[in-house]
Amino acid sequence: MRLPLQIATAIAIVAIGGGVWYMTGRGGDKTAGQQQAAARPVNVVAAHSTRGDIAVTFDAVGTLRANEAVTLTAKTAGIVRSINFTEGQMVEAGTVLVELDDREVRANLAVAEASRRNTAQLLERARSLLARQNVAQARVDELSQQLAGSEAEVRAVQARLQDLTIRAPFTGYTGLRQVSPSALVRPADVVTTLDDTRTVKLEFTVPEASLRNLRQGMEIAALSPVYPGQTFIGTVMAIDTRVDAVTRTVAAVARIDNPDNRLRPGMFMTVQLTLDNRTNVVLVPEESLVPVGDQIGRAHV
């Protein structure tokens, strides 16, 4: 019985030893592999820092509007007698665009002018008689007041006559026509629009923190998705006197020349401003910088 027991014990010892050898041998290989991987060198790309000039820029978005814009409406009721413009036409200031029927008003003007002339003649005769004391001073004063009233009536009718003619208040391009000949228009009815787009205004906002660098006369570059690859140069002409308490931004307006009329009011544009030009500063490649929280740290120099 002792011999089988000794054989079983020997087999158990061999099995345990083999297991230990297997575990320690495999684990050793794994540790060595990890150490070998950790010891492998890492490729690093280095670059020399230099000194030079750099521009501090800011990008904003803005909307175009015309240098001058107005919606032309009728000031009085009337029948459209003639339309003297075409849609999209360039018209000069003072150009007659629409005329309303003025026959009745002209007749009233003729009556008012006749009454003024008659009163003026009576006053002149009364003054000559007053010199010979053939008329009372009260009569002369009465006729003077009547003449002033007649002249006021003439001016009032002349003003109503002018209201029947719609003129261009400034030089610009007419918009779509909203009336037709012989149509009845009422006060405040829209006739057309007029936009002076020879120069356009670009409205945009910048953060409050950039206000110290923003000034009138500084140059801006504007881009439009309508004309890819083309830059429109403008000049800041006005800066709002107030900062928006909600957005903490300030509004600014830049003027852009538009001689070919390609830029239209309402277009969306991207604004690029150069807020500061710094000279003789240390320059490193942008890819060598990594953000750490709200700071910028150097990864490789």
Protein backbone atom coordinates (compact mmCIF):
# COMPACT_ATOMS: atom_id res chain seq x y z
CA MET A 1 0.00 0.00 0.00
CA ARG A 2 2.88 2.33 0.64
CA LEU A 3 4.19 2.04 -2.92
CA PRO A 4 1.01 3.29 -4.63
CA LEU A 5 0.80 6.11 -2.12
CA GLN A 6 4.36 7.16 -2.92
CA ILE A 7 3.63 7.05 -6.64
CA ALA A 8 0.52 9.24 -6.22
CA THR A 9 2.47 11.73 -4.12
CA ALA A 10 5.20 11.95 -6.77
CA ILE A 11 2.65 12.55 -9.51
CA ALA A 12 1.02 15.35 -7.49
CA ILE A 13 4.37 17.04 -6.86
CA VAL A 14 5.23 16.89 -10.58
CA ALA A 15 1.83 18.37 -11.50
CA ILE A 16 2.18 21.21 -9.01
CA GLY A 17 5.70 21.95 -10.23
CA GLY A 18 4.58 22.01 -13.83
CA GLY A 19 1.79 24.41 -12.99
CA VAL A 20 4.14 26.73 -11.17
CA TRP A 21 6.61 26.60 -14.06
CA TYR A 22 3.86 27.34 -16.55
CA MET A 23 2.51 30.30 -14.62
CA THR A 24 5.88 31.85 -13.81
CA GLY A 25 7.25 31.28 -17.27
CA ARG A 26 4.26 32.85 -19.07
CA GLY A 27 4.06 35.74 -16.65
CA GLY A 28 7.75 36.44 -17.07
CA ASP A 29 7.37 36.55 -20.82
CA LYS A 30 4.46 39.01 -20.51
CA THR A 31 6.37 41.29 -18.19
CA ALA A 32 9.36 41.27 -20.51
CA GLY A 33 7.14 42.17 -23.47
CA GLN A 34 5.66 45.08 -21.62
CA GLN A 35 9.07 46.31 -20.62
CA GLN A 36 10.27 46.02 -24.18
CA ALA A 37 7.26 48.03 -25.45
CA ALA A 38 7.81 50.69 -22.79
CA ALA A 39 11.44 51.00 -23.74
CA ARG A 40 10.63 51.58 -27.42
CA PRO A 41 11.50 55.25 -28.41
CA VAL A 42 8.70 57.73 -29.29
CA ASN A 43 9.03 59.80 -32.46
CA VAL A 44 9.07 63.54 -31.68
CA VAL A 45 9.02 66.34 -34.27
CA ALA A 46 10.85 69.44 -33.06
CA ALA A 47 10.84 72.97 -34.44
CA HIS A 48 12.82 76.10 -33.68
CA SER A 49 11.02 79.10 -32.22
CA THR A 50 11.50 82.37 -34.10
CA ARG A 51 10.71 86.04 -33.67
CA GLY A 52 8.47 88.06 -35.93
CA ASP A 53 5.28 90.09 -36.30
CA ILE A 54 1.78 88.76 -35.76
CA ALA A 55 -1.70 90.22 -36.28
CA VAL A 56 -4.41 89.69 -33.67
CA THR A 57 -7.60 89.12 -35.66
CA PHE A 58 -11.24 88.63 -34.83
CA ASP A 59 -14.03 87.14 -36.96
CA ALA A 60 -17.62 88.34 -36.72
CA VAL A 61 -20.80 88.01 -38.73
CA GLY A 62 -22.80 90.90 -40.09
CA THR A 63 -25.66 91.97 -42.32
CA LEU A 64 -25.60 94.47 -45.16
CA ARG A 65 -27.96 97.40 -45.48
CA ALA A 66 -28.18 100.22 -47.97
CA ASN A 67 -26.43 103.50 -47.36
CA GLU A 68 -29.86 105.15 -47.64
CA ALA A 69 -33.17 103.33 -47.95
CA VAL A 70 -36.79 104.45 -48.05
CA THR A 71 -40.20 103.01 -48.81
CA LEU A 72 -42.06 105.49 -51.01
CA THR A 73 -45.75 105.87 -50.20
CA ALA A 74 -48.60 108.07 -51.32
CA LYS A 75 -49.30 111.03 -49.04
CA THR A 76 -52.80 111.61 -50.36
CA ALA A 77 -55.52 109.68 -52.18
CA GLY A 78 -55.59 109.85 -55.93
CA ILE A 79 -55.65 108.08 -59.27
CA VAL A 80 -52.28 107.11 -60.76
CA ARG A 81 -51.88 109.20 -63.90
CA SER A 82 -48.37 108.14 -64.94
CA ILE A 83 -45.45 105.99 -63.77
CA ASN A 84 -42.10 107.36 -64.83
CA PHE A 85 -39.62 104.69 -63.72
CA THR A 86 -38.77 101.07 -64.37
CA GLU A 87 -37.94 98.52 -61.70
CA GLY A 88 -34.25 98.51 -60.79
CA GLN A 89 -33.62 101.83 -62.51
CA MET A 90 -30.96 104.24 -61.25
CA VAL A 91 -32.68 107.59 -60.63
CA GLU A 92 -31.30 110.93 -59.50
CA ALA A 93 -32.57 112.87 -56.50
CA GLY A 94 -35.70 114.86 -57.40
CA THR A 95 -36.73 112.60 -60.28
CA VAL A 96 -40.51 112.35 -60.68
CA LEU A 97 -41.42 108.70 -60.18
CA VAL A 98 -45.24 108.70 -60.01
CA GLU A 99 -47.83 111.36 -60.82
CA LEU A 100 -51.39 111.29 -59.51
CA ASP A 101 -54.36 112.95 -61.19
CA ASP A 102 -54.15 116.63 -60.19
CA ARG A 103 -56.90 118.27 -62.27
CA GLU A 104 -59.16 119.01 -59.32
CA VAL A 105 -56.35 120.38 -57.18
CA ARG A 106 -55.12 122.59 -60.01
CA ALA A 107 -58.63 124.00 -60.38
CA ASN A 108 -58.70 124.79 -56.67
CA LEU A 109 -55.30 126.43 -57.01
CA ALA A 110 -56.59 128.63 -59.83
CA VAL A 111 -59.52 129.75 -57.64
CA ALA A 112 -57.23 130.50 -54.70
CA GLU A 113 -54.83 132.50 -56.87
CA ALA A 114 -57.70 134.50 -58.38
CA SER A 115 -58.99 135.31 -54.91
CA ARG A 116 -55.53 136.43 -53.84
CA ARG A 117 -55.17 138.71 -56.87
CA ASN A 118 -58.57 140.26 -56.25
CA THR A 119 -57.80 140.91 -52.60
CA ALA A 120 -54.42 142.38 -53.52
CA GLN A 121 -56.08 144.82 -55.97
CA LEU A 122 -58.67 145.89 -53.40
CA LEU A 123 -55.93 146.48 -50.83
CA GLU A 124 -53.89 148.55 -53.27
CA ARG A 125 -56.92 150.73 -54.09
CA ALA A 126 -57.78 151.14 -50.43
CA ARG A 127 -54.26 152.28 -49.60
CA SER A 128 -54.39 154.91 -52.36
CA LEU A 129 -57.72 156.18 -51.03
CA LEU A 130 -56.37 156.21 -47.49
CA ALA A 131 -53.72 158.70 -48.60
CA ARG A 132 -56.56 161.09 -49.58
CA GLN A 133 -58.55 160.11 -46.47
CA ASN A 134 -61.37 158.68 -48.59
CA VAL A 135 -61.33 155.30 -46.79
CA ALA A 136 -60.98 154.28 -43.17
CA GLN A 137 -57.84 152.68 -41.78
CA ALA A 138 -59.97 149.80 -40.55
CA ARG A 139 -60.86 148.91 -44.13
CA VAL A 140 -57.18 148.79 -45.10
CA ASP A 141 -56.40 146.55 -42.12
CA GLU A 142 -59.28 144.24 -43.01
CA LEU A 143 -58.09 143.86 -46.60
CA SER A 144 -54.54 143.19 -45.38
CA GLN A 145 -55.79 140.31 -43.25
CA GLN A 146 -57.84 138.96 -46.16
CA LEU A 147 -54.77 139.05 -48.40
CA ALA A 148 -52.71 137.12 -45.82
CA GLY A 149 -55.47 134.50 -45.65
CA SER A 150 -55.61 134.25 -49.46
CA GLU A 151 -51.86 133.76 -49.66
CA ALA A 152 -52.04 131.02 -47.01
CA GLU A 153 -54.77 129.28 -48.99
CA VAL A 154 -52.65 129.38 -52.14
CA ARG A 155 -49.70 127.82 -50.29
CA ALA A 156 -51.94 125.09 -48.87
CA VAL A 157 -53.29 124.15 -52.30
CA GLN A 158 -49.77 124.20 -53.73
CA ALA A 159 -48.69 121.78 -51.01
CA ARG A 160 -51.58 119.44 -51.88
CA LEU A 161 -50.54 119.67 -55.52
CA GLN A 162 -46.96 118.68 -54.64
CA ASP A 163 -48.26 115.69 -52.67
CA LEU A 164 -49.72 114.34 -55.91
CA THR A 165 -46.20 114.00 -57.35
CA ILE A 166 -43.90 111.36 -55.83
CA ARG A 167 -40.21 112.19 -56.30
CA ALA A 168 -36.97 110.39 -55.46
CA PRO A 169 -35.62 111.92 -52.22
CA PHE A 170 -32.05 110.82 -53.06
CA THR A 171 -30.10 109.10 -55.81
CA GLY A 172 -30.57 105.34 -55.80
CA TYR A 173 -32.08 102.26 -57.37
CA THR A 174 -35.83 101.78 -57.52
CA GLY A 175 -37.36 98.55 -56.28
CA LEU A 176 -40.39 96.60 -57.44
CA ARG A 177 -43.37 98.65 -58.56
CA GLN A 178 -46.44 98.20 -56.35
CA VAL A 179 -48.99 100.30 -58.32
CA SER A 180 -50.36 100.39 -61.84
CA PRO A 181 -51.60 103.24 -64.06
CA SER A 182 -55.20 104.35 -63.31
CA ALA A 183 -55.11 102.56 -59.94
CA LEU A 184 -56.53 104.29 -56.88
CA VAL A 185 -53.96 104.79 -54.16
CA ARG A 186 -54.67 105.87 -50.62
CA PRO A 187 -52.45 107.56 -48.05
CA ALA A 188 -49.61 105.26 -46.90
CA ASP A 189 -50.02 102.89 -49.86
CA VAL A 190 -46.60 101.63 -50.94
CA VAL A 191 -45.53 102.72 -54.40
CA THR A 192 -41.96 101.35 -54.53
CA THR A 193 -38.70 101.30 -52.62
CA LEU A 194 -35.53 103.29 -53.19
CA ASP A 195 -32.06 102.14 -52.08
CA ASP A 196 -28.76 103.92 -52.43
CA THR A 197 -26.39 100.95 -52.75
CA ARG A 198 -23.45 102.70 -54.38
CA THR A 199 -21.98 102.23 -50.93
CA VAL A 200 -23.37 99.75 -48.40
CA LYS A 201 -23.23 99.56 -44.63
CA LEU A 202 -22.19 96.34 -42.90
CA GLU A 203 -23.58 95.99 -39.37
CA PHE A 204 -21.82 93.55 -37.00
CA THR A 205 -21.09 93.06 -33.31
CA VAL A 206 -17.87 92.45 -31.40
CA PRO A 207 -17.36 91.27 -27.81
CA GLU A 208 -17.03 93.82 -25.07
CA ALA A 209 -13.43 92.70 -24.45
CA SER A 210 -12.44 93.81 -27.97
CA LEU A 211 -13.87 97.30 -27.56
CA ARG A 212 -10.50 98.76 -26.55
CA ASN A 213 -9.05 97.80 -29.96
CA LEU A 214 -12.07 98.85 -32.03
CA ARG A 215 -11.93 102.36 -33.47
CA GLN A 216 -13.38 104.42 -36.29
CA GLY A 217 -11.39 104.35 -39.51
CA MET A 218 -9.94 100.87 -39.01
CA GLU A 219 -10.01 98.59 -42.04
CA ILE A 220 -12.12 95.44 -42.22
CA ALA A 221 -12.27 92.57 -44.69
CA ALA A 222 -15.68 91.11 -45.53
CA LEU A 223 -16.44 87.75 -47.17
CA SER A 224 -19.68 86.54 -48.70
CA PRO A 225 -20.66 82.95 -49.58
CA VAL A 226 -22.23 84.40 -52.72
CA TYR A 227 -18.77 85.38 -54.02
CA PRO A 228 -16.36 82.72 -52.71
CA GLY A 229 -12.73 83.67 -52.66
CA GLN A 230 -13.38 87.39 -53.02
CA THR A 231 -12.67 89.89 -50.24
CA PHE A 232 -14.48 93.21 -49.91
CA ILE A 233 -12.54 95.92 -48.06
CA GLY A 234 -14.37 98.44 -45.90
CA THR A 235 -13.82 100.98 -43.16
CA VAL A 236 -15.43 101.21 -39.73
CA MET A 237 -17.53 104.38 -39.78
CA ALA A 238 -19.50 104.19 -36.53
CA ILE A 239 -19.43 102.38 -33.18
CA ASP A 240 -22.43 102.20 -30.90
CA THR A 241 -22.20 104.22 -27.70
CA ARG A 242 -23.72 101.41 -25.64
CA VAL A 243 -22.80 97.82 -24.85
CA ASP A 244 -25.64 95.30 -24.91
CA ALA A 245 -26.23 94.29 -21.30
CA VAL A 246 -27.43 90.80 -22.29
CA THR A 247 -24.95 89.70 -24.95
CA ARG A 248 -22.06 91.90 -23.74
CA THR A 249 -21.37 92.97 -27.32
CA VAL A 250 -21.14 96.33 -29.04
CA ALA A 251 -22.52 97.09 -32.49
CA ALA A 252 -20.42 98.66 -35.22
CA VAL A 253 -21.03 99.76 -38.81
CA ALA A 254 -18.53 99.59 -41.66
CA ARG A 255 -18.85 101.26 -45.05
CA ILE A 256 -18.02 99.27 -48.21
CA ASP A 257 -17.86 100.74 -51.72
CA ASN A 258 -20.22 98.95 -54.09
CA PRO A 259 -19.79 100.53 -57.53
CA ASP A 260 -20.90 97.43 -59.45
CA ASN A 261 -23.99 96.92 -57.23
CA ARG A 262 -23.12 93.28 -56.52
CA LEU A 263 -23.69 93.60 -52.79
CA ARG A 264 -27.35 93.84 -51.84
CA PRO A 265 -29.04 94.92 -48.60
CA GLY A 266 -29.84 91.98 -46.35
CA MET A 267 -26.89 89.82 -47.45
CA PHE A 268 -24.99 87.84 -44.81
CA MET A 269 -21.24 88.48 -44.59
CA THR A 270 -18.30 87.37 -42.45
CA VAL A 271 -16.20 90.20 -41.04
CA GLN A 272 -12.47 89.90 -40.34
CA LEU A 273 -10.96 92.61 -38.14
CA THR A 274 -7.31 93.12 -37.30
CA LEU A 275 -7.51 94.31 -33.69
CA ASP A 276 -3.78 94.57 -33.02
CA ASN A 277 -0.40 94.17 -34.73
CA ARG A 278 2.33 92.84 -32.43
CA THR A 279 5.96 93.09 -33.44
CA ASN A 280 9.04 91.08 -32.43
CA VAL A 281 7.17 88.33 -30.61
CA VAL A 282 8.17 84.68 -30.16
CA LEU A 283 6.57 82.49 -32.81
CA VAL A 284 6.10 78.71 -32.60
CA PRO A 285 4.10 76.36 -34.83
CA GLU A 286 0.44 76.26 -33.88
CA GLU A 287 0.45 72.43 -33.73
CA SER A 288 3.02 72.54 -30.95
CA LEU A 289 0.57 74.21 -28.57
CA VAL A 290 -2.04 72.34 -26.54
CA PRO A 291 -4.74 73.92 -24.39
CA VAL A 292 -4.65 73.17 -20.67
CA GLY A 293 -7.85 74.45 -19.13
CA ASP A 294 -8.06 78.11 -20.05
CA GLN A 295 -4.32 78.33 -20.65
CA ILE A 296 -2.12 77.45 -23.61
CA GLY A 297 0.88 75.21 -22.87
CA ARG A 298 3.76 74.18 -25.08
CA ALA A 299 3.81 70.52 -26.02
CA HIS A 300 7.02 70.42 -28.09
CA VAL A 301 9.48 73.15 -28.92
